[in-house]
Each structure stands twice: as C-alpha cells, then as structure tokens.
Amino acid sequence: MSRKCPCFQHSVTVEELLQLACQLSPSKLGELIAALSALKEAIIQDQEVRDTTASKTSDRKQNDKSAHIAWKQINGCGPYPYLRFREGKKYRSYYLKGLRKES
C-alpha cells in the first residue's frame, strides 16, 4: 500500500501538522493523538502481513480490537480506505483520502 497522497502538491511535514494541531481543542487533540497511534499500528500490522506472506491473508477480516485499514466499496465505487480502531468504548472510522492500494 502506497503512503504517498497524490492530492497534495508536496509532502506534509511534521512541523506543518503541529501548526494545525495546536489549533485544536484538548478533546480534539486527544482524538488526533489516538488516530495517529492507530494509524501507526495499522501501518506496522499491514507491513508485517505483507512481509510474512504474499497470499490473500492480508485481506482477511481484522480483529475489532486492533487498528486496521479497511477497504470499502461504496455504491459500486472504490475501494476507499478507512482507518478503523477503538478509542476507549468508541469505535472510530476515518476516511484516508489519497491512500492507494498497492497492486
């Protein structure tokens, strides 16, 4: 799975992200931190699956307790990537615009 987002003209830097993040309320900042942690977990998990096997096991249903990237068909279009994870008792899902599935 490629991590480069073609919708941006340049790579976003950590400093640019921090400038945006400092404008968030404490609760939204906590939500962002949880989402970034889940994204890191999902990327590591995806890499481990691709490293251990080239079979279709990487497309198997993920455990609801782990962070993962789900590829969804919506109205016959897609697949669209969504980061899915649990934050406490809440189940979170965020669309990852620009993420492309590797062939």
Foldseek 3Di string as FASTA:
>chain_A
DDPDFPVDPDDDDPVNVVVVLVPDDPVVNVVVVVLVVLVVQQVVVLVVVVVVDPDPPSQDDDDQAHWHWHQDQDPNDTRWTWTWHDDPPDIDIDTDHRDDDDD
